[in-house]
Protein backbone atom coordinates (compact mmCIF):
# COMPACT_ATOMS: atom_id res chain seq x y z
CA MET A 1 106.90 85.93 101.47
CA ASN A 2 105.40 89.66 101.96
CA ASN A 3 106.70 92.36 100.77
CA SER A 4 105.26 94.54 103.31
CA LEU A 5 107.84 96.25 105.81
CA PRO A 6 106.65 94.99 108.87
CA GLN A 7 105.90 91.67 107.99
CA ILE A 8 110.04 91.15 106.88
CA LEU A 9 110.75 92.51 110.10
CA LYS A 10 108.73 89.20 111.37
CA GLU A 11 110.62 87.10 109.32
CA ILE A 12 114.28 87.87 110.60
CA LYS A 13 115.56 85.38 112.55
CA PRO A 14 118.91 85.04 114.64
CA LEU A 15 121.83 82.94 112.54
CA ASP A 16 121.63 79.16 113.06
CA LYS A 17 124.47 78.23 115.88
CA LYS A 18 124.22 74.78 115.58
CA ALA A 19 124.89 75.07 111.95
CA MET A 20 128.17 77.12 113.17
CA GLU A 21 129.40 74.54 115.18
CA ILE A 22 129.50 71.94 112.52
CA ALA A 23 131.20 74.15 110.09
CA GLN A 24 133.99 75.53 112.91
CA SER A 25 134.41 71.61 113.58
CA ARG A 26 135.11 70.32 110.25
CA HIS A 27 137.27 73.55 109.71
CA ASP A 28 139.21 72.54 112.58
CA GLU A 29 140.01 69.39 111.12
CA LEU A 30 140.72 70.32 107.73
CA THR A 31 144.68 69.93 106.43
CA LYS A 32 146.10 73.14 107.89
CA PRO A 33 146.80 74.73 111.42
CA ARG A 34 143.60 75.78 113.01
CA GLY A 35 142.70 79.08 112.36
CA SER A 36 145.61 79.75 109.61
CA LEU A 37 143.05 80.70 107.31
CA GLY A 38 142.30 83.58 109.36
CA LYS A 39 139.12 85.78 108.66
CA LEU A 40 138.40 83.29 105.21
CA GLU A 41 137.47 80.52 108.11
CA GLU A 42 135.35 82.97 110.42
CA LEU A 43 133.20 83.84 107.02
CA SER A 44 132.30 80.70 105.86
CA VAL A 45 131.58 79.69 109.46
CA LYS A 46 129.31 83.12 109.41
CA ILE A 47 127.88 82.39 106.36
CA ALA A 48 127.44 78.82 107.95
CA GLY A 49 125.11 80.47 110.11
CA ILE A 50 123.71 82.83 108.03
CA LYS A 51 122.14 80.09 105.50
CA GLY A 52 121.50 77.71 108.48
CA GLU A 53 123.33 75.04 106.51
CA ALA A 54 126.71 73.26 107.77
CA ALA A 55 128.49 72.96 104.08
CA PRO A 56 127.15 76.61 102.55
CA ASN A 57 126.99 77.08 98.65
CA ILE A 58 127.34 80.04 96.81
CA GLU A 59 126.64 80.15 93.34
CA ARG A 60 123.90 82.42 92.58
CA LYS A 61 124.89 85.54 92.89
CA ALA A 62 123.71 89.31 92.83
CA ILE A 63 124.50 92.65 92.83
CA VAL A 64 121.68 95.45 93.71
CA THR A 65 122.89 98.64 92.09
CA MET A 66 120.11 101.44 92.85
CA ALA A 67 120.35 104.83 91.74
CA ALA A 68 118.74 108.17 92.58
CA ASP A 69 119.54 111.82 92.75
CA HIS A 70 119.18 114.35 95.65
CA GLY A 71 117.97 118.04 96.26
CA VAL A 72 121.47 118.79 98.51
CA VAL A 73 122.73 118.71 95.42
CA ALA A 74 121.54 122.57 94.85
CA GLU A 75 123.93 123.57 98.09
CA LYS A 76 127.12 122.44 95.39
CA ILE A 77 128.40 120.18 97.68
CA SER A 78 129.68 118.10 94.39
CA ASN A 79 132.38 118.42 91.94
CA TYR A 80 130.14 116.47 89.49
CA PRO A 81 126.46 117.96 88.54
CA GLN A 82 123.88 116.42 89.16
CA GLU A 83 123.11 114.83 85.29
CA VAL A 84 125.89 112.88 85.97
CA THR A 85 123.58 110.03 88.13
CA ARG A 86 121.18 109.15 84.94
CA GLN A 87 124.65 109.16 82.69
CA MET A 88 126.23 107.32 84.59
CA VAL A 89 122.77 104.77 84.80
CA PHE A 90 123.33 104.82 80.99
CA ASN A 91 126.73 103.51 81.34
CA PHE A 92 125.80 100.77 83.01
CA LEU A 93 123.54 99.33 81.11
CA ALA A 94 125.96 99.71 78.14
CA GLY A 95 128.11 97.49 80.43
CA GLY A 96 131.00 99.86 80.80
CA ALA A 97 131.28 100.64 84.07
CA ALA A 98 132.99 99.33 87.16
CA ILE A 99 130.84 97.26 88.24
CA ASN A 100 130.15 95.71 85.16
CA VAL A 101 133.55 94.60 85.40
CA LEU A 102 133.69 93.19 88.41
CA ALA A 103 130.57 91.67 88.25
CA ARG A 104 131.57 89.82 85.34
CA HIS A 105 134.87 88.73 86.58
CA VAL A 106 133.18 87.36 89.58
CA GLY A 107 130.39 85.78 87.86
CA ALA A 108 127.43 87.57 89.70
CA ARG A 109 124.32 89.27 87.74
CA VAL A 110 123.80 93.48 88.43
CA ILE A 111 119.93 94.66 88.77
CA PHE A 112 120.08 97.77 88.31
CA VAL A 113 117.06 100.21 90.38
CA ASP A 114 116.31 103.61 89.27
CA MET A 115 114.61 104.82 92.22
CA GLY A 116 114.58 108.33 91.55
CA VAL A 117 116.88 109.66 89.14
CA MET A 118 116.18 112.85 87.68
CA GLY A 119 114.90 112.80 83.74
CA GLY A 120 113.86 109.09 84.64
CA PHE A 121 113.87 106.70 81.55
CA GLU A 122 112.84 105.05 78.78
CA PRO A 123 111.81 101.53 79.51
CA HIS A 124 114.82 98.85 79.53
CA PRO A 125 115.53 95.36 79.94
CA THR A 126 118.15 95.40 82.67
CA LEU A 127 116.51 98.46 84.53
CA VAL A 128 114.12 98.16 87.22
CA CYS A 129 112.40 101.11 87.61
CA LYS A 130 111.09 101.96 91.24
CA MET A 131 110.78 105.67 91.14
CA ILE A 132 109.88 107.50 94.10
CA ASP A 133 110.15 110.96 92.57
CA PHE A 134 112.40 112.80 90.48
CA GLY A 135 115.21 112.86 93.56
CA THR A 136 114.83 113.86 96.97
CA GLN A 137 113.92 117.17 98.39
CA ASN A 138 116.48 119.88 99.70
CA MET A 139 117.37 118.19 103.11
CA THR A 140 118.75 121.76 104.37
CA GLN A 141 115.43 123.46 103.73
CA GLY A 142 113.26 120.27 105.80
CA PRO A 143 112.91 116.68 104.97
CA ALA A 144 114.32 115.03 102.17
CA MET A 145 111.57 112.97 101.37
CA THR A 146 108.19 111.95 103.70
CA ARG A 147 107.67 108.89 106.40
CA ILE A 148 105.39 107.33 104.22
CA GLN A 149 107.91 107.61 100.70
CA ALA A 150 111.08 106.33 103.27
CA VAL A 151 108.49 103.05 103.57
CA ASP A 152 108.00 103.29 99.78
CA THR A 153 111.61 103.27 99.19
CA ILE A 154 112.12 100.06 101.79
CA GLU A 155 109.54 98.11 100.40
CA ALA A 156 110.81 98.75 96.42
CA GLY A 157 114.22 97.20 97.89
CA ILE A 158 111.73 94.33 99.10
CA SER A 159 110.09 93.23 96.12
CA VAL A 160 113.53 93.61 94.32
CA VAL A 161 115.19 91.00 96.41
CA GLU A 162 111.78 88.97 96.31
CA ALA A 163 111.81 88.97 92.38
CA GLU A 164 115.84 87.91 93.12
CA VAL A 165 114.92 84.95 95.21
CA ALA A 166 112.38 83.61 92.80
CA ARG A 167 115.20 83.38 90.02
CA GLY A 168 117.91 81.78 92.76
CA LEU A 169 120.07 83.50 95.02
CA ASP A 170 122.76 82.33 97.42
CA ILE A 171 124.49 85.90 98.33
CA ILE A 172 123.25 89.18 97.62
CA GLY A 173 125.66 92.54 96.88
CA THR A 174 124.68 96.18 97.43
CA GLY A 175 125.88 99.65 95.43
CA ASP A 176 124.88 102.72 94.86
CA MET A 177 124.85 105.60 92.25
CA GLY A 178 123.58 109.23 93.12
CA ILE A 179 125.62 112.64 92.77
CA GLY A 180 125.31 114.27 96.47
CA ASN A 181 124.73 110.41 98.39
CA THR A 182 127.90 110.76 100.38
CA THR A 183 126.11 114.28 102.13
CA ALA A 184 123.40 112.66 102.77
CA SER A 185 125.13 109.16 104.04
CA SER A 186 127.07 111.64 106.26
CA ALA A 187 123.78 112.87 108.01
CA ILE A 188 122.57 109.78 108.31
CA CYS A 189 126.02 108.48 110.00
CA ALA A 190 126.23 111.60 112.35
CA ALA A 191 122.92 111.22 113.42
CA ILE A 192 122.59 107.51 114.39
CA ILE A 193 126.37 107.39 115.69
CA ARG A 194 126.12 110.88 117.43
CA LYS A 195 129.23 111.80 116.35
CA PRO A 196 130.40 115.29 114.93
CA VAL A 197 129.41 115.94 111.44
CA ALA A 198 133.55 116.40 110.35
CA GLU A 199 134.49 113.01 111.37
CA VAL A 200 131.88 111.80 109.58
CA THR A 201 132.38 113.92 106.51
CA GLY A 202 134.95 113.03 103.64
CA ARG A 203 135.69 114.25 99.93
CA GLY A 204 133.44 112.44 97.86
CA THR A 205 133.80 113.22 94.48
CA GLY A 206 137.34 114.44 95.10
CA ILE A 207 136.08 118.19 96.71
CA ASP A 208 139.06 120.43 97.91
CA ASP A 209 139.60 121.88 101.77
CA ARG A 210 137.53 124.63 101.23
CA GLN A 211 134.74 122.48 99.46
CA LEU A 212 134.66 119.93 102.43
CA ALA A 213 134.04 122.41 105.13
CA HIS A 214 130.93 124.18 102.93
CA LYS A 215 129.74 120.27 102.81
CA VAL A 216 130.29 119.99 106.71
CA LYS A 217 128.17 123.17 107.16
CA VAL A 218 125.61 122.29 104.58
CA ILE A 219 125.32 118.88 106.88
CA GLU A 220 125.10 120.29 110.26
CA GLN A 221 122.24 122.72 108.57
CA ALA A 222 119.95 119.99 107.32
CA LEU A 223 120.77 118.01 111.01
CA ALA A 224 119.79 121.35 113.10
CA VAL A 225 116.84 121.87 110.38
CA ASN A 226 115.11 118.29 110.88
CA GLN A 227 116.28 117.16 114.11
CA PRO A 228 116.33 113.88 113.10
CA ASP A 229 115.55 111.10 116.02
CA PRO A 230 118.93 108.69 116.40
CA ASP A 231 116.60 106.19 117.92
CA ASP A 232 113.90 106.38 114.88
CA ALA A 233 115.60 104.52 111.74
CA LEU A 234 112.98 105.77 109.67
CA ASP A 235 112.90 109.25 110.90
CA VAL A 236 116.68 109.47 109.98
CA LEU A 237 116.13 108.00 106.69
CA SER A 238 112.78 110.21 105.64
CA LYS A 239 114.75 113.85 107.18
CA VAL A 240 118.19 112.92 105.54
CA GLY A 241 118.31 109.99 103.65
CA GLY A 242 118.31 109.17 99.61
CA PHE A 243 115.57 106.99 97.50
CA GLU A 244 118.32 104.69 97.23
CA ILE A 245 119.64 104.56 100.26
CA GLY A 246 116.21 103.34 101.33
CA GLY A 247 116.20 100.59 98.50
CA LEU A 248 119.42 98.94 99.89
CA VAL A 249 117.55 98.82 103.64
CA GLY A 250 115.44 96.57 101.80
CA VAL A 251 117.39 94.83 100.21
CA ILE A 252 118.93 94.40 103.17
CA LEU A 253 116.28 93.37 105.21
CA ALA A 254 114.60 91.43 102.76
CA ALA A 255 117.79 89.15 102.46
CA ALA A 256 118.26 88.31 105.97
CA ALA A 257 114.47 87.53 105.78
CA HIS A 258 115.68 84.74 102.94
CA ARG A 259 118.55 83.91 105.00
CA ILE A 260 120.97 85.12 102.20
CA PRO A 261 124.13 86.61 103.17
CA ILE A 262 124.49 90.73 102.50
CA VAL A 263 127.91 92.15 101.13
CA ILE A 264 127.48 95.31 101.72
CA ASP A 265 129.87 97.89 99.38
CA GLY A 266 130.95 101.20 100.76
CA PHE A 267 130.04 104.10 102.68
CA ILE A 268 126.28 104.45 100.86
CA SER A 269 125.69 100.76 101.55
CA GLY A 270 126.97 101.53 105.02
CA ALA A 271 124.42 103.69 105.92
CA ALA A 272 121.80 101.93 104.38
CA ALA A 273 123.16 99.11 107.04
CA LEU A 274 122.46 101.65 110.12
CA ILE A 275 118.82 101.96 109.32
CA ALA A 276 118.59 98.58 108.89
CA VAL A 277 119.86 97.75 111.79
CA GLY A 278 118.06 100.62 113.66
CA LEU A 279 115.07 98.83 112.24
CA ALA A 280 116.09 94.89 112.73
CA PRO A 281 119.12 94.65 115.14
CA VAL A 282 119.48 91.21 114.60
CA VAL A 283 120.40 92.08 111.13
CA LYS A 284 123.55 92.88 111.55
CA ASP A 285 124.48 89.23 112.45
CA TYR A 286 123.62 88.87 108.34
CA LEU A 287 126.26 91.91 106.90
CA ILE A 288 129.48 91.02 105.73
CA ALA A 289 131.56 94.09 105.02
CA ALA A 290 133.36 93.78 101.77
CA HIS A 291 136.14 96.54 102.38
CA ILE A 292 136.62 99.90 104.22
CA SER A 293 136.40 102.92 102.51
CA ALA A 294 138.55 106.10 101.62
CA GLU A 295 135.35 107.49 103.33
CA PRO A 296 135.76 108.85 107.47
CA GLY A 297 132.32 107.81 107.54
CA HIS A 298 132.46 104.55 106.59
CA ARG A 299 135.22 103.70 109.39
CA ALA A 300 133.13 104.81 112.40
CA LEU A 301 129.76 103.29 111.12
CA LEU A 302 131.91 99.77 110.95
CA GLU A 303 133.18 100.11 113.95
CA TYR A 304 129.42 101.05 115.33
CA LEU A 305 128.27 97.59 113.87
CA GLY A 306 131.03 95.60 114.80
CA LEU A 307 131.96 94.57 111.74
CA SER A 308 135.45 93.86 110.17
CA PRO A 309 136.03 94.99 106.85
CA LEU A 310 137.29 92.18 104.58
CA LEU A 311 139.94 94.28 102.36
CA ASN A 312 141.22 97.83 102.50
CA LEU A 313 141.81 98.97 99.32
CA LYS A 314 141.86 102.59 99.57
CA MET A 315 138.57 101.95 97.25
CA CYS A 316 135.59 104.90 97.26
CA LEU A 317 133.80 104.51 94.21
CA GLY A 318 130.77 102.95 95.38
CA GLU A 319 128.39 101.06 92.18
CA GLY A 320 128.71 97.86 94.83
CA THR A 321 132.28 97.35 93.61
CA GLY A 322 133.33 96.60 96.26
CA ALA A 323 130.75 94.22 97.22
CA ALA A 324 131.76 92.34 93.76
CA LEU A 325 135.55 91.28 95.26
CA GLY A 326 133.75 90.70 98.59
CA ILE A 327 131.35 88.36 97.02
CA PHE A 328 134.37 86.52 95.81
CA LEU A 329 135.94 86.16 99.15
CA ALA A 330 132.70 84.59 100.65
CA GLU A 331 132.83 82.07 97.73
CA THR A 332 136.19 81.26 98.22
CA ALA A 333 135.80 80.90 101.88
CA VAL A 334 132.95 78.26 101.54
CA ARG A 335 134.82 76.68 99.13
CA ILE A 336 137.57 75.88 101.09
CA LEU A 337 135.10 74.59 103.63
CA LYS A 338 133.32 72.14 100.97
CA GLU A 339 136.26 71.24 99.02
CA MET A 340 139.49 71.03 101.32
CA ALA A 341 139.98 67.47 103.17
CA THR A 342 140.17 66.54 106.72
CA PHE A 343 143.54 65.33 108.60
CA SER A 344 142.08 61.68 108.06
CA GLU A 345 140.36 61.79 104.47
CA ALA A 346 143.50 62.89 103.25
CA GLY A 347 145.42 60.70 105.61
CA VAL A 348 147.96 63.66 107.27
CA SER A 349 148.65 63.45 110.56
CA GLY A 350 147.43 66.23 112.69
CA ALA A 351 148.95 68.58 115.21
CA ASP A 352 150.13 66.53 118.24
CA SER A 353 148.54 67.36 121.09
CA THR A 354 151.70 66.37 123.46
CA SER A 355 153.89 68.59 121.94
CA ALA A 356 155.36 71.42 123.82
CA GLY A 357 156.99 73.03 120.54
CA ASN A 358 155.48 73.91 117.05
């Protein structure tokens, strides 16, 4: 499949309704009261529609964790210095971060991608270099990136997924690392959802009330300076986004084009989902919201996208940690669909349709 954005957009198709109907019919015959497994049932039927298979399989699992720096950190909107982005990537590569632990637990491979980390990296066997620049520009002074760079970030994400599809891929999760990226995500969220900045801005790395008020003002300034067009997703990404956010947009679009379920992590992945859906509205049906973050903007964007999160663990780490847990639940859901016996297979009496009681 071509790595260009226009071509990928042409390849994204609606869910397979027939596969979903067959999957639902099987669920209704499994040895349990109908609907008793709640969201797990809904999830397996959705995955059937995404993959176009009434009995979908999930074995080959991957999480793409993209890292980049943000020029807006010059406005002192984080408790952590910019160099933490680079230091955390080294931690990822050494296997010592939360995402490493969770990915190992659920049996998912993790692809770490440098989209634009200050300082860069020497070649490393487990780091994919797709650097656009050494971080974005300070969006309070002008656009975070050019429109051409925005397209480049998306196409970089597409190429990462194409490589993983060639290796074999049944489901993909999204993750991020970048000091300052909750600021960019809040700006994207406010622009597209058209909500006041204060309603979609949270504490990120644990800032206090004074810092939060400052962060809100910084985002309001960035939006006032750049005037992103909420009806032009590329305009929003280029003016107030981040390189890793754009990369995740590409991951989402390419996965949808290949009919691969996409488990989105937290707020930053959600911001990428907003951009992706702005470019291709049908992509919304391919998204699985792993959890709801402690960031207020995440709740707002999930409601906007019509997505119901699988978990609420008060997480706000990013990295793909929530996505790892979501992948586990997705695999569990399809195993239930495929491996549980029906009433007839098990020789168990079904519900008595003539009974008025329980």
